Amino acid sequence: MAKALFLIISGAEAPAKAELGIVAAARSVKAKRYEDLKVIFFGPSQEYLTRLTGAAKEHFEILLKEKAVDSACVAVAERMNIKQQLESLGLDLLPAGERIAHYVNQGYEVITF
């Protein structure tokens, strides 16, 4: 089985794409479609997370519960002034470039939404 990294970048400019990434990741975790699945939120998706409702929020909570979410980018969070909001959602804030490199170097396939 393969290992997958879902890199969710889309946000308010493409909310359907962001939601599809969250839902696909959560369903994949529940169905054990991959040896391991991790999610990183980067850029516009981070602000999108602060406004989640409905099914997207439910699936995001599944990802958190299953420990599939690696992190959101600390630099973006600071620049957007949403660091506290993201931490209150239960997200770790780490440098996205370093986290992406970590998973690529571990053989994870990157799937971008």
Protein backbone atom coordinates (compact mmCIF):
# COMPACT_ATOMS: atom_id res chain seq x y z
CA MET A 1 0.00 0.00 0.00
CA ALA A 2 1.06 3.57 -0.65
CA LYS A 3 1.43 6.43 1.80
CA ALA A 4 -0.38 9.68 0.90
CA LEU A 5 -0.01 13.30 1.87
CA PHE A 6 -3.08 15.40 1.18
CA LEU A 7 -1.86 18.97 0.72
CA ILE A 8 -4.92 21.19 0.97
CA ILE A 9 -4.22 24.67 -0.37
CA SER A 10 -7.61 25.82 -1.68
CA GLY A 11 -9.78 28.03 0.48
CA ALA A 12 -12.50 30.66 0.06
CA GLU A 13 -11.59 31.14 -3.62
CA ALA A 14 -12.47 27.48 -4.27
CA PRO A 15 -14.45 26.22 -1.27
CA ALA A 16 -15.80 23.17 -3.08
CA LYS A 17 -12.23 22.04 -3.84
CA ALA A 18 -11.14 22.57 -0.22
CA GLU A 19 -14.15 20.65 1.06
CA LEU A 20 -13.51 17.81 -1.41
CA GLY A 21 -9.97 17.50 -0.08
CA ILE A 22 -11.16 17.32 3.53
CA VAL A 23 -13.96 14.85 2.77
CA ALA A 24 -11.78 12.64 0.54
CA ALA A 25 -9.07 12.54 3.20
CA ALA A 26 -11.51 11.66 5.99
CA ARG A 27 -13.22 8.95 3.95
CA SER A 28 -9.84 7.53 2.92
CA VAL A 29 -8.71 7.36 6.56
CA LYS A 30 -11.94 5.63 7.62
CA ALA A 31 -11.70 3.13 4.74
CA LYS A 32 -7.94 2.56 5.29
CA ARG A 33 -7.24 3.19 1.60
CA TYR A 34 -3.57 3.96 2.26
CA GLU A 35 -0.85 2.51 4.45
CA ASP A 36 -0.76 5.98 6.04
CA LEU A 37 -2.44 9.28 5.24
CA LYS A 38 -1.44 12.71 6.50
CA VAL A 39 -2.94 16.13 5.79
CA ILE A 40 -1.20 19.50 5.69
CA PHE A 41 -3.17 22.74 5.38
CA PHE A 42 -1.31 25.54 3.62
CA GLY A 43 -2.16 29.03 2.39
CA PRO A 44 -5.81 29.95 1.77
CA SER A 45 -7.06 26.66 3.25
CA GLN A 46 -5.94 27.83 6.67
CA GLU A 47 -8.36 30.75 6.75
CA TYR A 48 -11.05 28.47 5.29
CA LEU A 49 -10.64 26.18 8.32
CA THR A 50 -11.60 28.99 10.68
CA ARG A 51 -15.06 29.12 9.06
CA LEU A 52 -15.88 25.43 8.60
CA THR A 53 -19.49 24.33 9.02
CA GLY A 54 -21.62 21.32 8.23
CA ALA A 55 -20.18 18.23 6.57
CA ALA A 56 -16.76 19.82 6.01
CA LYS A 57 -16.41 20.50 9.74
CA GLU A 58 -17.55 16.98 10.62
CA HIS A 59 -14.97 15.46 8.28
CA PHE A 60 -12.26 17.80 9.58
CA GLU A 61 -13.04 16.58 13.11
CA ILE A 62 -12.71 12.97 11.91
CA LEU A 63 -9.25 13.80 10.56
CA LEU A 64 -8.24 15.33 13.89
CA LYS A 65 -9.65 12.40 15.89
CA GLU A 66 -7.81 9.89 13.68
CA LYS A 67 -4.58 11.93 14.01
CA ALA A 68 -4.34 12.30 10.24
CA VAL A 69 -3.73 16.05 10.34
CA ASP A 70 -0.04 16.81 10.51
CA SER A 71 -0.16 20.60 10.65
CA ALA A 72 -0.93 23.97 9.16
CA CYS A 73 1.78 26.44 8.19
CA VAL A 74 2.93 28.64 11.07
CA ALA A 75 4.21 31.42 8.79
CA VAL A 76 0.91 31.68 6.94
CA ALA A 77 -1.03 31.61 10.21
CA GLU A 78 1.07 34.48 11.57
CA ARG A 79 0.80 36.48 8.33
CA MET A 80 -3.01 36.02 8.24
CA ASN A 81 -3.26 36.74 11.96
CA ILE A 82 -5.16 33.48 12.61
CA LYS A 83 -2.62 31.59 14.70
CA GLN A 84 -4.77 31.42 17.84
CA GLN A 85 -7.87 30.42 15.89
CA LEU A 86 -6.06 27.50 14.24
CA GLU A 87 -4.50 26.36 17.52
CA SER A 88 -7.95 26.45 19.15
CA LEU A 89 -9.13 24.03 16.44
CA GLY A 90 -6.46 21.59 17.59
CA LEU A 91 -3.93 22.17 14.81
CA ASP A 92 -0.19 22.06 15.22
CA LEU A 93 1.48 24.99 13.47
CA LEU A 94 4.76 24.09 11.80
CA PRO A 95 6.79 25.26 8.77
CA ALA A 96 4.95 23.77 5.79
CA GLY A 97 8.04 23.49 3.60
CA GLU A 98 9.79 21.36 6.19
CA ARG A 99 6.75 19.16 6.77
CA ILE A 100 6.14 18.60 3.05
CA ALA A 101 9.82 17.71 2.53
CA HIS A 102 9.64 15.28 5.47
CA TYR A 103 6.78 13.33 3.90
CA VAL A 104 8.18 13.42 0.35
CA ASN A 105 11.50 12.10 1.68
CA GLN A 106 9.58 9.31 3.43
CA GLY A 107 8.02 8.22 0.11
CA TYR A 108 4.54 9.74 0.52
CA GLU A 109 2.62 10.54 -2.66
CA VAL A 110 1.42 14.16 -2.61
CA ILE A 111 -2.22 14.76 -3.57
CA THR A 112 -3.11 18.45 -3.83
CA PHE A 113 -6.51 20.07 -3.47
